Protein backbone atom coordinates (compact mmCIF):
# COMPACT_ATOMS: atom_id res chain seq x y z
CA MET A 1 -2.23 19.78 58.67
CA SER A 2 -4.65 22.61 57.96
CA PRO A 3 -4.53 24.14 54.46
CA LEU A 4 -2.26 27.15 54.02
CA ARG A 5 -4.46 30.20 53.38
CA LEU A 6 -2.83 31.89 50.41
CA GLY A 7 -3.46 35.08 48.45
CA VAL A 8 -2.35 35.77 44.88
CA LEU A 9 -0.78 39.20 44.43
CA GLY A 10 -1.63 39.99 40.82
CA ALA A 11 -3.90 38.75 38.06
CA ALA A 12 -1.49 37.97 35.21
CA ASN A 13 -1.76 34.84 33.06
CA ILE A 14 0.77 32.95 35.17
CA ALA A 15 -1.38 33.69 38.22
CA LYS A 16 -4.30 31.96 36.47
CA LEU A 17 -2.16 28.92 35.72
CA PHE A 18 -0.97 28.82 39.32
CA ALA A 19 -4.53 29.05 40.70
CA ARG A 20 -5.71 26.28 38.39
CA GLY A 21 -2.76 24.09 39.32
CA VAL A 22 -3.35 24.49 43.04
CA ALA A 23 -7.14 24.12 42.90
CA GLY A 24 -8.31 21.14 44.92
CA SER A 25 -5.12 20.77 46.93
CA PRO A 26 -5.69 19.56 50.50
CA LEU A 27 -2.64 21.53 51.66
CA VAL A 28 -3.11 24.95 50.00
CA SER A 29 -6.22 27.08 49.68
CA VAL A 30 -6.14 30.07 47.31
CA ASP A 31 -8.61 32.26 49.21
CA VAL A 32 -8.19 35.65 47.54
CA VAL A 33 -6.68 37.42 44.53
CA ALA A 34 -5.67 41.09 44.35
CA SER A 35 -5.28 43.46 41.42
CA ARG A 36 -4.89 47.21 41.15
CA ASP A 37 -8.12 47.02 39.14
CA ALA A 38 -10.99 45.85 41.38
CA ALA A 39 -13.11 44.72 38.43
CA LYS A 40 -10.24 42.67 37.04
CA ALA A 41 -9.66 41.04 40.43
CA ALA A 42 -13.36 40.19 40.77
CA GLU A 43 -13.47 38.74 37.25
CA PHE A 44 -10.35 36.66 37.95
CA ALA A 45 -11.80 35.37 41.23
CA LYS A 46 -15.06 34.37 39.55
CA ALA A 47 -13.34 32.63 36.63
CA GLU A 48 -11.02 30.65 38.92
CA SER A 49 -13.57 29.95 41.69
CA ILE A 50 -11.60 31.96 44.26
CA PRO A 51 -13.84 33.07 47.15
CA ARG A 52 -12.72 36.69 47.47
CA SER A 53 -10.89 39.51 45.69
CA HIS A 54 -9.24 42.81 46.60
CA GLY A 55 -8.91 45.93 44.48
CA SER A 56 -5.39 46.72 45.68
CA TYR A 57 -2.23 44.90 46.65
CA GLU A 58 -2.21 46.75 49.97
CA ALA A 59 -5.63 45.36 50.85
CA LEU A 60 -4.38 41.82 50.36
CA LEU A 61 -1.35 42.39 52.56
CA ALA A 62 -3.65 43.79 55.26
CA ASP A 63 -6.04 40.83 55.07
CA PRO A 64 -5.83 39.06 58.47
CA ALA A 65 -7.20 35.79 57.07
CA ILE A 66 -4.28 35.33 54.68
CA GLU A 67 -1.10 33.62 55.85
CA ALA A 68 0.99 33.64 52.70
CA ILE A 69 1.38 35.43 49.37
CA TYR A 70 2.20 34.17 45.89
CA ILE A 71 3.91 36.88 43.81
CA PRO A 72 3.57 36.48 40.00
CA LEU A 73 4.20 40.19 39.31
CA PRO A 74 6.58 41.58 36.65
CA ASN A 75 10.24 40.95 37.48
CA ASP A 76 10.97 44.53 38.51
CA LEU A 77 8.26 44.44 41.21
CA HIS A 78 9.32 41.25 43.02
CA ALA A 79 11.61 42.89 45.57
CA GLU A 80 9.26 45.75 46.45
CA TRP A 81 6.24 43.58 47.14
CA ALA A 82 8.11 40.72 48.78
CA ILE A 83 9.58 43.15 51.29
CA LYS A 84 6.14 44.69 51.90
CA ALA A 85 4.61 41.24 52.31
CA ALA A 86 7.26 40.28 54.84
CA ALA A 87 6.58 43.46 56.82
CA ALA A 88 2.90 42.49 56.82
CA GLY A 89 3.80 39.12 58.34
CA LYS A 90 3.02 37.04 55.24
CA HIS A 91 5.09 34.09 54.05
CA ILE A 92 6.19 34.56 50.44
CA LEU A 93 6.36 32.28 47.40
CA CYS A 94 7.90 34.55 44.73
CA GLU A 95 8.12 33.78 41.03
CA LYS A 96 11.50 33.53 39.41
CA PRO A 97 13.69 35.48 38.96
CA LEU A 98 13.65 36.28 42.65
CA ALA A 99 15.00 39.77 41.99
CA MET A 100 16.63 41.96 39.36
CA ALA A 101 19.91 42.19 41.28
CA ALA A 102 21.66 40.43 44.15
CA ALA A 103 21.31 43.46 46.44
CA GLU A 104 17.53 43.26 46.05
CA ALA A 105 17.50 39.53 46.74
CA ARG A 106 19.55 39.94 49.89
CA ALA A 107 17.25 42.73 51.08
CA MET A 108 14.27 40.43 50.53
CA TYR A 109 15.77 37.65 52.64
CA ALA A 110 16.79 40.13 55.31
CA ALA A 111 13.21 41.42 55.50
CA ALA A 112 11.87 37.87 55.79
CA ARG A 113 14.24 37.11 58.67
CA THR A 114 13.44 40.38 60.42
CA HIS A 115 9.71 39.67 60.36
CA GLY A 116 9.93 35.94 61.03
CA VAL A 117 8.45 34.70 57.75
CA HIS A 118 9.61 32.33 55.02
CA LEU A 119 10.64 33.52 51.55
CA VAL A 120 11.29 31.09 48.70
CA GLU A 121 11.70 31.35 44.95
CA ALA A 122 9.21 29.51 42.75
CA TYR A 123 10.64 27.01 40.26
CA PRO A 124 7.92 24.41 39.56
CA TYR A 125 10.39 21.95 38.04
CA MET A 126 12.34 21.74 41.29
CA SER A 127 9.35 20.18 43.06
CA GLN A 128 8.76 17.63 40.29
CA PRO A 129 9.61 14.02 41.21
CA GLN A 130 11.82 14.14 38.08
CA THR A 131 14.11 16.78 39.61
CA LEU A 132 14.00 15.29 43.09
CA ARG A 133 15.21 12.00 41.58
CA MET A 134 17.88 13.86 39.62
CA ARG A 135 19.22 15.40 42.84
CA GLU A 136 19.50 11.89 44.32
CA LEU A 137 21.30 10.55 41.24
CA LEU A 138 23.99 13.24 41.37
CA ALA A 139 25.77 11.27 44.09
CA GLU A 140 26.04 8.29 41.73
CA ILE A 141 27.88 10.08 38.92
CA GLY A 142 30.63 11.59 41.07
CA ARG A 143 32.07 15.08 40.78
CA VAL A 144 30.30 17.02 38.07
CA GLN A 145 32.63 18.08 35.28
CA LEU A 146 30.31 19.54 32.65
CA VAL A 147 26.68 20.70 32.44
CA THR A 148 24.73 21.68 29.36
CA ALA A 149 21.33 23.25 30.10
CA MET A 150 19.01 24.70 27.46
CA PHE A 151 15.54 26.23 27.48
CA GLY A 152 13.80 28.18 24.75
CA PHE A 153 10.47 29.01 23.15
CA SER A 154 9.03 31.15 20.38
CA LEU A 155 8.11 34.77 21.13
CA THR A 156 9.90 36.71 18.38
CA THR A 157 11.19 36.14 14.87
CA PRO A 158 14.91 35.41 14.41
CA GLU A 159 15.20 39.10 13.49
CA GLY A 160 13.78 40.11 16.87
CA ARG A 161 10.29 41.19 15.82
CA PRO A 162 7.34 40.21 18.03
CA LEU A 163 5.29 37.24 16.85
CA GLY A 164 2.34 38.35 18.96
CA ASP A 165 1.56 41.24 21.26
CA PRO A 166 4.40 43.80 21.08
CA ALA A 167 3.39 44.93 24.58
CA ASN A 168 4.28 41.52 26.03
CA ILE A 169 6.16 42.28 29.23
CA ARG A 170 8.99 39.93 28.26
CA LEU A 171 9.83 42.36 25.45
CA ASN A 172 10.03 45.38 27.75
CA PRO A 173 13.56 46.18 29.01
CA ALA A 174 12.19 48.53 31.68
CA ARG A 175 10.27 45.67 33.31
CA GLY A 176 13.08 43.14 33.41
CA GLY A 177 12.19 41.49 30.11
CA GLY A 178 14.34 39.25 27.95
CA GLY A 179 15.11 35.58 27.67
CA LEU A 180 17.78 35.57 30.39
CA ARG A 181 15.41 36.61 33.19
CA ASP A 182 12.83 34.14 31.93
CA ALA A 183 14.05 30.88 30.37
CA GLY A 184 17.64 31.63 31.39
CA THR A 185 16.78 31.45 35.08
CA TYR A 186 15.87 27.81 34.57
CA SER A 187 19.04 26.92 32.66
CA MET A 188 21.24 28.63 35.25
CA SER A 189 19.37 27.14 38.19
CA LEU A 190 19.78 23.63 36.79
CA ALA A 191 23.52 24.16 36.44
CA ARG A 192 23.71 25.50 40.00
CA ILE A 193 21.89 22.42 41.34
CA ALA A 194 24.15 20.06 39.40
CA VAL A 195 27.49 21.59 40.42
CA GLY A 196 26.44 22.64 43.91
CA GLU A 197 28.42 25.86 44.21
CA ARG A 198 28.45 29.49 43.14
CA PRO A 199 30.02 30.12 39.70
CA SER A 200 33.26 32.10 39.58
CA ARG A 201 33.11 33.75 36.15
CA VAL A 202 31.11 33.76 32.92
CA MET A 203 31.43 34.61 29.23
CA ALA A 204 28.25 35.24 27.22
CA SER A 205 27.10 36.15 23.74
CA ALA A 206 23.64 37.51 22.93
CA LYS A 207 21.26 38.53 20.18
CA TRP A 208 18.66 41.23 20.75
CA THR A 209 15.06 42.07 19.94
CA GLU A 210 13.92 45.28 18.29
CA SER A 211 12.83 46.50 21.74
CA GLY A 212 16.32 45.97 23.16
CA VAL A 213 15.97 42.84 25.29
CA ASP A 214 18.00 39.68 24.79
CA ARG A 215 16.22 37.08 22.67
CA VAL A 216 19.09 34.56 22.65
CA ILE A 217 21.94 34.14 25.12
CA ALA A 218 24.58 31.41 25.28
CA ALA A 219 27.04 31.49 28.17
CA THR A 220 30.04 29.55 29.39
CA VAL A 221 30.04 29.35 33.18
CA GLU A 222 33.10 28.39 35.24
CA PHE A 223 32.95 27.09 38.81
CA PRO A 224 35.66 27.10 41.53
CA SER A 225 35.80 23.30 41.50
CA GLY A 226 36.83 23.33 37.85
CA ALA A 227 33.42 22.32 36.51
CA LEU A 228 32.12 24.08 33.41
CA ALA A 229 28.56 24.72 32.25
CA GLN A 230 27.08 25.80 28.97
CA VAL A 231 23.74 27.50 29.63
CA SER A 232 21.49 28.95 26.97
CA CYS A 233 18.06 30.48 26.55
CA HIS A 234 16.09 31.93 23.68
CA MET A 235 12.77 33.45 22.68
CA SER A 236 13.02 33.13 18.89
CA GLY A 237 12.97 29.46 18.01
CA ALA A 238 11.24 26.14 18.57
CA PHE A 239 10.51 25.03 22.13
CA HIS A 240 13.15 22.87 23.73
CA ARG A 241 14.17 22.16 27.30
CA SER A 242 16.88 19.69 28.19
CA ALA A 243 20.04 19.21 30.23
CA VAL A 244 23.00 16.86 30.32
CA ILE A 245 25.11 16.49 33.47
CA VAL A 246 28.48 14.78 33.05
CA GLY A 247 30.17 13.45 36.16
CA GLU A 248 33.43 11.60 36.63
CA ARG A 249 31.56 8.29 36.91
CA GLY A 250 28.42 8.76 34.84
CA VAL A 251 25.93 10.94 32.98
CA ILE A 252 22.39 12.21 33.68
CA GLU A 253 20.01 13.47 30.98
CA THR A 254 16.80 15.30 31.94
CA SER A 255 14.12 17.51 30.42
CA TYR A 256 13.63 19.27 33.80
CA LEU A 257 10.03 20.15 32.96
CA ASN A 258 7.70 22.27 35.08
CA HIS A 259 4.72 20.00 34.51
CA GLY A 260 4.00 16.38 33.66
CA PRO A 261 0.74 16.58 31.68
CA ASP A 262 0.48 12.88 30.89
CA GLY A 263 1.26 11.77 34.41
CA LYS A 264 4.76 10.53 33.63
CA LEU A 265 8.21 12.04 33.16
CA SER A 266 11.56 10.37 32.64
CA LEU A 267 15.28 10.87 32.92
CA ASN A 268 18.26 8.85 31.75
CA ILE A 269 21.38 7.82 33.62
CA ARG A 270 24.60 6.10 32.51
CA ARG A 271 26.33 4.54 35.49
CA GLY A 272 29.86 4.20 34.19
CA THR A 273 32.48 5.93 32.06
CA LEU A 274 32.49 3.83 28.89
CA GLY A 275 30.32 4.47 25.87
CA THR A 276 29.39 0.80 25.87
CA VAL A 277 27.50 1.27 29.15
CA PRO A 278 23.84 1.74 28.15
CA LEU A 279 21.71 4.65 29.27
CA GLU A 280 19.05 3.53 31.74
CA ARG A 281 15.66 5.19 31.35
CA LEU A 282 13.91 5.94 34.64
CA GLU A 283 10.21 6.80 34.66
CA VAL A 284 8.86 8.92 37.49
CA GLU A 285 5.56 10.51 38.36
CA GLY A 286 4.74 13.71 36.45
CA VAL A 287 2.61 16.23 38.31
CA ASN A 288 1.49 19.84 38.03
CA GLY A 289 4.55 21.77 39.16
CA PHE A 290 2.56 24.70 40.54
CA ARG A 291 0.69 22.39 42.88
CA ALA A 292 3.83 20.47 43.86
CA GLU A 293 5.76 23.62 44.77
CA ALA A 294 2.76 25.18 46.58
CA GLU A 295 2.28 22.05 48.68
CA SER A 296 5.98 21.94 49.50
CA PHE A 297 5.73 25.62 50.47
CA ALA A 298 2.80 24.79 52.75
CA ARG A 299 4.84 22.06 54.43
CA LEU A 300 7.69 24.53 54.88
CA VAL A 301 5.37 26.97 56.68
CA ARG A 302 3.64 24.30 58.78
CA GLN A 303 6.51 21.88 59.47
CA GLY A 304 9.78 23.71 58.87
CA PRO A 305 12.56 24.25 56.29
CA ALA A 306 13.42 20.56 55.94
CA HIS A 307 10.11 20.09 54.12
CA TRP A 308 10.86 22.59 51.32
CA ASN A 309 12.16 20.86 48.19
CA GLY A 310 12.76 23.93 46.01
CA ALA A 311 15.59 26.43 45.75
CA SER A 312 17.50 27.23 48.93
CA GLU A 313 18.45 30.80 49.83
CA ALA A 314 22.05 30.09 48.79
CA GLU A 315 20.94 28.69 45.42
CA SER A 316 18.64 31.65 44.73
CA ILE A 317 21.32 34.21 45.63
CA ASP A 318 23.89 32.42 43.48
CA ILE A 319 21.48 32.29 40.53
CA VAL A 320 20.86 36.04 40.73
CA LEU A 321 24.59 36.72 40.94
CA ALA A 322 25.26 34.50 37.93
CA LEU A 323 22.48 36.13 35.90
CA ASP A 324 23.92 39.57 36.74
CA ALA A 325 27.31 38.47 35.43
CA ILE A 326 25.87 36.85 32.29
CA ALA A 327 23.92 40.02 31.49
CA ALA A 328 27.08 42.12 31.95
CA SER A 329 29.14 39.78 29.77
CA ALA A 330 26.51 39.80 27.01
CA ARG A 331 26.96 43.58 26.84
CA SER A 332 30.73 43.75 27.33
CA GLY A 333 31.71 40.75 25.23
CA GLY A 334 34.29 39.65 27.80
CA TRP A 335 34.68 37.50 30.88
CA GLU A 336 32.82 38.78 33.93
CA THR A 337 33.51 37.73 37.50
CA VAL A 338 30.54 36.50 39.52
CA ALA A 339 30.37 38.75 42.58
CA ALA A 340 30.66 37.37 46.08
């Protein structure tokens, strides 16, 4: 299998982390980076040992040597550039959230189908052996009844004031900022994986930053099967990332991490309904999630959809729909139906 020749559309910090994670992969070759600032693109390419750079996004899409594009752009630009990349015949690995609204996400998938390319949403944790093992274990705990998924980090004070750069894009409401479209995408995606269906309605409560984006959101999510989820995200407290999945015959606990820096990750399972049944700790390989998802993406392009281990189109659409409803509920204070 020849390496997938990939270009990075943007020079943000996450693009640097992605390039470093993928470096040395036998399946993916980051051959070029593009920025609207040619000097910035050249500096990025030199720092990350990328062979070439372009001084515009358009130049990257027109590059005949590039097969696929990684999009780490601000949230509000995902749909525009994914659709343009599809029209240019490039396969697309797009950072989460896939889009700012379900209509955008559906337009992105429609463009990919029209032009015969693959589009997938990037969640590094989904390609971790930890999450792949979790998906397998779901069958052992029976029908999921309850999910609790949390993810948060420190970007503002509890009063909503920036702890660092006030120009941080996650604090800008015009660019799709806020905890929900960042950490919240992970919490909601984990719940969607666990239950396996689109939510039906949500109720959310939020706290806000001085700039007007959500810094904390906690939501109750109902599913047609009767399952419930509690999903939360925040940007104004200590880092934490964990989930508990309760089934009719057992329980799974996971940290659903993007990366495994020490080479190992773990998850716990209780196979049984009684509290006297001990939790079993399972250790799995911990890898760089950027590399794992990029290599799975390469297998998707080279060998077909069965080789992609990340979010499916249905999962990504359902996540966007649920996030839309959670955002609406956080503003209205009432139950919001998840659109079809």
